[in-house]
Amino acid sequence: MALDNTVIQTILTEKFGEQVTAFEENFGLLVFEVNAAVSHDLVAFLRDDATLRFNFLTDVCGAHFPDNDTARQFAVIYHMHNWLDNKRVRIKAYLDGTQPSVASIADLFESANWQERETYDFYGINFENHPDLKRILNMDEMVSFPMRKEFPMEDQGRTDKDDRYFGREKKAISN
């Protein structure tokens, strides 16, 4: 039996029921949502199931949707790949905007360690039971999370920039 998206959806729906929803196919890629409370179990199942065999974690990243209601303001997105059948899936777990938190999958995939730290560093999403959740690219002293939509695009106090060079004024630039 070939592993196609309908087979994957059927297996996941049978195992997780209402915890997996919003299945859709984008250019052959199966995309769906998972309740964040079972995201760790779902990723483990995708990896360990004898039929599914999603043995490679391609990416873990975050997203911020400030216009959504509070319960869906953040998302953690997982991309997984089954090398044997050459199938990929994208999994979205929406998180509460007041304290975004989800279980770490670093115990399932070692590569998730860095990816979760990066997501924490830029979005402030807490990965519960992560072995070393701390900033990875930004300074430890930083108190904000630069990929959140409320983060300012640039320092408004800078004096070394001339807005005319950035298309912010319609005045002609003279030499």
C-alpha atoms as a PDB file:
ATOM      1  CA  MET A   1       0.000   0.000   0.000  1.00  0.00           C
ATOM      2  CA  ALA A   2       1.422   3.374  -1.021  1.00  0.00           C
ATOM      3  CA  LEU A   3       1.584   5.973   1.690  1.00  0.00           C
ATOM      4  CA  ASP A   4      -0.547   8.848   0.516  1.00  0.00           C
ATOM      5  CA  ASN A   5      -2.152  11.749   2.323  1.00  0.00           C
ATOM      6  CA  THR A   6      -5.530  10.048   2.764  1.00  0.00           C
ATOM      7  CA  VAL A   7      -3.842   7.079   4.467  1.00  0.00           C
ATOM      8  CA  ILE A   8      -1.914   9.423   6.782  1.00  0.00           C
ATOM      9  CA  GLN A   9      -5.073  11.364   7.633  1.00  0.00           C
ATOM     10  CA  THR A  10      -7.038   8.173   8.317  1.00  0.00           C
ATOM     11  CA  ILE A  11      -4.361   6.731  10.612  1.00  0.00           C
ATOM     12  CA  LEU A  12      -3.997   9.999  12.549  1.00  0.00           C
ATOM     13  CA  THR A  13      -7.753  10.494  12.895  1.00  0.00           C
ATOM     14  CA  GLU A  14      -8.189   6.944  14.167  1.00  0.00           C
ATOM     15  CA  LYS A  15      -5.396   7.390  16.723  1.00  0.00           C
ATOM     16  CA  PHE A  16      -5.975  11.000  17.859  1.00  0.00           C
ATOM     17  CA  GLY A  17      -9.617  11.716  16.979  1.00  0.00           C
ATOM     18  CA  GLU A  18     -10.627  15.346  17.511  1.00  0.00           C
ATOM     19  CA  GLN A  19      -7.090  16.268  18.592  1.00  0.00           C
ATOM     20  CA  VAL A  20      -6.096  16.517  14.896  1.00  0.00           C
ATOM     21  CA  THR A  21      -8.126  18.827  12.653  1.00  0.00           C
ATOM     22  CA  ALA A  22      -8.086  21.150   9.651  1.00  0.00           C
ATOM     23  CA  PHE A  23      -6.542  18.684   7.219  1.00  0.00           C
ATOM     24  CA  GLU A  24      -5.719  20.179   3.844  1.00  0.00           C
ATOM     25  CA  GLU A  25      -3.350  19.468   1.013  1.00  0.00           C
ATOM     26  CA  ASN A  26      -1.106  22.200  -0.378  1.00  0.00           C
ATOM     27  CA  PHE A  27       0.807  21.188  -3.513  1.00  0.00           C
ATOM     28  CA  GLY A  28       0.832  17.569  -2.337  1.00  0.00           C
ATOM     29  CA  LEU A  29       1.903  18.460   1.221  1.00  0.00           C
ATOM     30  CA  LEU A  30      -0.483  17.326   3.965  1.00  0.00           C
ATOM     31  CA  VAL A  31      -1.039  20.166   6.451  1.00  0.00           C
ATOM     32  CA  PHE A  32      -3.049  19.803   9.655  1.00  0.00           C
ATOM     33  CA  GLU A  33      -3.490  21.162  13.165  1.00  0.00           C
ATOM     34  CA  VAL A  34      -2.900  19.321  16.414  1.00  0.00           C
ATOM     35  CA  ASN A  35      -3.993  20.225  19.908  1.00  0.00           C
ATOM     36  CA  ALA A  36      -0.790  21.455  21.558  1.00  0.00           C
ATOM     37  CA  ALA A  37      -1.440  19.213  24.575  1.00  0.00           C
ATOM     38  CA  VAL A  38      -0.828  16.097  22.443  1.00  0.00           C
ATOM     39  CA  SER A  39       1.775  17.459  20.006  1.00  0.00           C
ATOM     40  CA  HIS A  40       4.617  15.455  21.609  1.00  0.00           C
ATOM     41  CA  ASP A  41       2.597  12.237  21.404  1.00  0.00           C
ATOM     42  CA  LEU A  42       1.660  12.949  17.788  1.00  0.00           C
ATOM     43  CA  VAL A  43       5.261  13.573  16.696  1.00  0.00           C
ATOM     44  CA  ALA A  44       6.379  10.387  18.484  1.00  0.00           C
ATOM     45  CA  PHE A  45       3.589   8.441  16.781  1.00  0.00           C
ATOM     46  CA  LEU A  46       4.491   9.820  13.346  1.00  0.00           C
ATOM     47  CA  ARG A  47       8.097   8.743  13.935  1.00  0.00           C
ATOM     48  CA  ASP A  48       7.425   5.303  15.458  1.00  0.00           C
ATOM     49  CA  ASP A  49       4.376   4.002  13.589  1.00  0.00           C
ATOM     50  CA  ALA A  50       5.351   1.137  11.253  1.00  0.00           C
ATOM     51  CA  THR A  51       3.257   2.549   8.402  1.00  0.00           C
ATOM     52  CA  LEU A  52       3.952   6.268   8.768  1.00  0.00           C
ATOM     53  CA  ARG A  53       7.731   6.215   9.498  1.00  0.00           C
ATOM     54  CA  PHE A  54       8.310   9.989   9.566  1.00  0.00           C
ATOM     55  CA  ASN A  55      11.917   9.522  10.565  1.00  0.00           C
ATOM     56  CA  PHE A  56      13.277  13.023   9.916  1.00  0.00           C
ATOM     57  CA  LEU A  57      12.392  16.302  11.612  1.00  0.00           C
ATOM     58  CA  THR A  58      13.025  18.941   8.958  1.00  0.00           C
ATOM     59  CA  ASP A  59      12.103  22.018  10.968  1.00  0.00           C
ATOM     60  CA  VAL A  60      10.522  23.458  14.087  1.00  0.00           C
ATOM     61  CA  CYS A  61       9.585  27.118  13.899  1.00  0.00           C
ATOM     62  CA  GLY A  62       7.201  29.635  15.386  1.00  0.00           C
ATOM     63  CA  ALA A  63       4.665  32.144  14.130  1.00  0.00           C
ATOM     64  CA  HIS A  64       2.874  35.065  15.743  1.00  0.00           C
ATOM     65  CA  PHE A  65      -0.695  36.020  14.853  1.00  0.00           C
ATOM     66  CA  PRO A  66      -1.523  39.019  17.071  1.00  0.00           C
ATOM     67  CA  ASP A  67      -4.912  39.572  15.392  1.00  0.00           C
ATOM     68  CA  ASN A  68      -6.143  36.080  16.345  1.00  0.00           C
ATOM     69  CA  ASP A  69      -8.033  35.508  19.574  1.00  0.00           C
ATOM     70  CA  THR A  70      -5.745  34.953  22.571  1.00  0.00           C
ATOM     71  CA  ALA A  71      -5.981  31.139  22.399  1.00  0.00           C
ATOM     72  CA  ARG A  72      -4.446  31.106  18.885  1.00  0.00           C
ATOM     73  CA  GLN A  73      -1.956  33.973  18.883  1.00  0.00           C
ATOM     74  CA  PHE A  74       1.131  31.796  18.519  1.00  0.00           C
ATOM     75  CA  ALA A  75       1.854  28.610  16.640  1.00  0.00           C
ATOM     76  CA  VAL A  76       4.640  26.076  16.604  1.00  0.00           C
ATOM     77  CA  ILE A  77       5.002  24.496  13.191  1.00  0.00           C
ATOM     78  CA  TYR A  78       6.698  21.148  12.654  1.00  0.00           C
ATOM     79  CA  HIS A  79       7.829  19.817   9.277  1.00  0.00           C
ATOM     80  CA  MET A  80       8.514  16.090   9.116  1.00  0.00           C
ATOM     81  CA  HIS A  81       9.746  13.868   6.306  1.00  0.00           C
ATOM     82  CA  ASN A  82       9.390  10.155   5.644  1.00  0.00           C
ATOM     83  CA  TRP A  83      12.484   9.389   3.574  1.00  0.00           C
ATOM     84  CA  LEU A  84      11.393   5.852   2.748  1.00  0.00           C
ATOM     85  CA  ASP A  85       8.157   6.875   1.024  1.00  0.00           C
ATOM     86  CA  ASN A  86       9.259  10.452   0.283  1.00  0.00           C
ATOM     87  CA  LYS A  87       6.277  12.009   2.076  1.00  0.00           C
ATOM     88  CA  ARG A  88       6.227  15.257   4.030  1.00  0.00           C
ATOM     89  CA  VAL A  89       3.775  16.745   6.507  1.00  0.00           C
ATOM     90  CA  ARG A  90       3.353  20.141   8.158  1.00  0.00           C
ATOM     91  CA  ILE A  91       1.860  20.188  11.659  1.00  0.00           C
ATOM     92  CA  LYS A  92       0.574  23.333  13.357  1.00  0.00           C
ATOM     93  CA  ALA A  93       0.020  23.581  17.103  1.00  0.00           C
ATOM     94  CA  TYR A  94      -1.635  26.859  18.129  1.00  0.00           C
ATOM     95  CA  LEU A  95      -0.738  28.294  21.530  1.00  0.00           C
ATOM     96  CA  ASP A  96      -2.186  30.748  24.012  1.00  0.00           C
ATOM     97  CA  GLY A  97      -0.909  34.286  23.594  1.00  0.00           C
ATOM     98  CA  THR A  98      -0.520  35.059  27.287  1.00  0.00           C
ATOM     99  CA  GLN A  99       2.041  32.325  28.004  1.00  0.00           C
ATOM    100  CA  PRO A 100       2.814  30.334  24.860  1.00  0.00           C
ATOM    101  CA  SER A 101       4.058  26.912  25.886  1.00  0.00           C
ATOM    102  CA  VAL A 102       4.271  23.427  24.355  1.00  0.00           C
ATOM    103  CA  ALA A 103       6.092  20.187  25.151  1.00  0.00           C
ATOM    104  CA  SER A 104       9.623  19.881  23.818  1.00  0.00           C
ATOM    105  CA  ILE A 105      10.336  17.163  21.279  1.00  0.00           C
ATOM    106  CA  ALA A 106      14.107  17.334  21.840  1.00  0.00           C
ATOM    107  CA  ASP A 107      13.858  13.896  23.470  1.00  0.00           C
ATOM    108  CA  LEU A 108      12.505  12.528  20.165  1.00  0.00           C
ATOM    109  CA  PHE A 109      14.802  14.340  17.729  1.00  0.00           C
ATOM    110  CA  GLU A 110      18.160  15.772  18.781  1.00  0.00           C
ATOM    111  CA  SER A 111      17.917  18.399  16.038  1.00  0.00           C
ATOM    112  CA  ALA A 112      14.887  19.883  17.827  1.00  0.00           C
ATOM    113  CA  ASN A 113      17.193  21.143  20.570  1.00  0.00           C
ATOM    114  CA  TRP A 114      18.617  23.978  18.472  1.00  0.00           C
ATOM    115  CA  GLN A 115      15.366  24.622  16.591  1.00  0.00           C
ATOM    116  CA  GLU A 116      13.350  24.977  19.800  1.00  0.00           C
ATOM    117  CA  ARG A 117      15.976  27.268  21.312  1.00  0.00           C
ATOM    118  CA  GLU A 118      15.822  29.458  18.206  1.00  0.00           C
ATOM    119  CA  THR A 119      12.010  29.559  18.368  1.00  0.00           C
ATOM    120  CA  TYR A 120      12.174  30.475  22.056  1.00  0.00           C
ATOM    121  CA  ASP A 121      14.795  33.135  21.352  1.00  0.00           C
ATOM    122  CA  PHE A 122      12.761  34.860  18.642  1.00  0.00           C
ATOM    123  CA  TYR A 123       9.143  34.265  19.754  1.00  0.00           C
ATOM    124  CA  GLY A 124       9.317  33.591  23.491  1.00  0.00           C
ATOM    125  CA  ILE A 125       7.577  30.235  23.140  1.00  0.00           C
ATOM    126  CA  ASN A 126       8.401  27.999  26.108  1.00  0.00           C
ATOM    127  CA  PHE A 127       9.272  24.374  25.324  1.00  0.00           C
ATOM    128  CA  GLU A 128       8.482  22.374  28.456  1.00  0.00           C
ATOM    129  CA  ASN A 129      11.143  19.837  29.511  1.00  0.00           C
ATOM    130  CA  HIS A 130      13.685  21.182  27.039  1.00  0.00           C
ATOM    131  CA  PRO A 131      17.175  20.214  28.269  1.00  0.00           C
ATOM    132  CA  ASP A 132      18.695  23.715  27.927  1.00  0.00           C
ATOM    133  CA  LEU A 133      16.126  26.323  26.905  1.00  0.00           C
ATOM    134  CA  LYS A 134      17.976  29.619  26.705  1.00  0.00           C
ATOM    135  CA  ARG A 135      18.717  32.216  24.061  1.00  0.00           C
ATOM    136  CA  ILE A 136      20.852  30.926  21.236  1.00  0.00           C
ATOM    137  CA  LEU A 137      21.396  33.892  18.881  1.00  0.00           C
ATOM    138  CA  ASN A 138      20.373  37.020  20.781  1.00  0.00           C
ATOM    139  CA  MET A 139      22.002  38.435  23.896  1.00  0.00           C
ATOM    140  CA  ASP A 140      20.997  36.850  27.205  1.00  0.00           C
ATOM    141  CA  GLU A 141      20.132  40.315  28.557  1.00  0.00           C
ATOM    142  CA  MET A 142      17.499  40.877  25.875  1.00  0.00           C
ATOM    143  CA  VAL A 143      13.998  41.026  27.364  1.00  0.00           C
ATOM    144  CA  SER A 144      11.963  41.114  24.135  1.00  0.00           C
ATOM    145  CA  PHE A 145      11.431  38.620  21.362  1.00  0.00           C
ATOM    146  CA  PRO A 146      12.261  40.139  17.958  1.00  0.00           C
ATOM    147  CA  MET A 147      10.000  38.046  15.702  1.00  0.00           C
ATOM    148  CA  ARG A 148       6.854  39.021  17.582  1.00  0.00           C
ATOM    149  CA  LYS A 149       4.791  41.500  15.624  1.00  0.00           C
ATOM    150  CA  GLU A 150       4.907  44.096  18.409  1.00  0.00           C
ATOM    151  CA  PHE A 151       8.713  44.245  18.218  1.00  0.00           C
ATOM    152  CA  PRO A 152       9.760  47.581  16.634  1.00  0.00           C
ATOM    153  CA  MET A 153      11.226  47.295  13.144  1.00  0.00           C
ATOM    154  CA  GLU A 154      14.151  49.513  14.087  1.00  0.00           C
ATOM    155  CA  ASP A 155      15.395  51.722  16.857  1.00  0.00           C
ATOM    156  CA  GLN A 156      13.523  55.008  16.561  1.00  0.00           C
ATOM    157  CA  GLY A 157      16.288  56.799  18.459  1.00  0.00           C
ATOM    158  CA  ARG A 158      18.986  56.157  15.856  1.00  0.00           C
ATOM    159  CA  THR A 159      20.576  59.291  14.446  1.00  0.00           C
ATOM    160  CA  ASP A 160      22.891  57.635  11.925  1.00  0.00           C
ATOM    161  CA  LYS A 161      20.162  56.978   9.355  1.00  0.00           C
ATOM    162  CA  ASP A 162      18.729  59.425   6.883  1.00  0.00           C
ATOM    163  CA  ASP A 163      15.123  58.417   6.102  1.00  0.00           C
ATOM    164  CA  ARG A 164      15.443  59.818   2.600  1.00  0.00           C
ATOM    165  CA  TYR A 165      17.772  56.940   1.706  1.00  0.00           C
ATOM    166  CA  PHE A 166      15.156  54.391   2.727  1.00  0.00           C
ATOM    167  CA  GLY A 167      12.245  55.752   0.691  1.00  0.00           C
ATOM    168  CA  ARG A 168      10.469  57.251   3.689  1.00  0.00           C
ATOM    169  CA  GLU A 169      10.406  60.794   2.353  1.00  0.00           C
ATOM    170  CA  LYS A 170       9.470  61.929  -1.089  1.00  0.00           C
ATOM    171  CA  LYS A 171      12.065  64.721  -1.136  1.00  0.00           C
ATOM    172  CA  ALA A 172      14.823  64.456  -3.662  1.00  0.00           C
ATOM    173  CA  ILE A 173      18.247  63.548  -2.367  1.00  0.00           C
ATOM    174  CA  SER A 174      20.798  66.219  -3.160  1.00  0.00           C
ATOM    175  CA  ASN A 175      24.539  65.756  -3.149  1.00  0.00           C
END
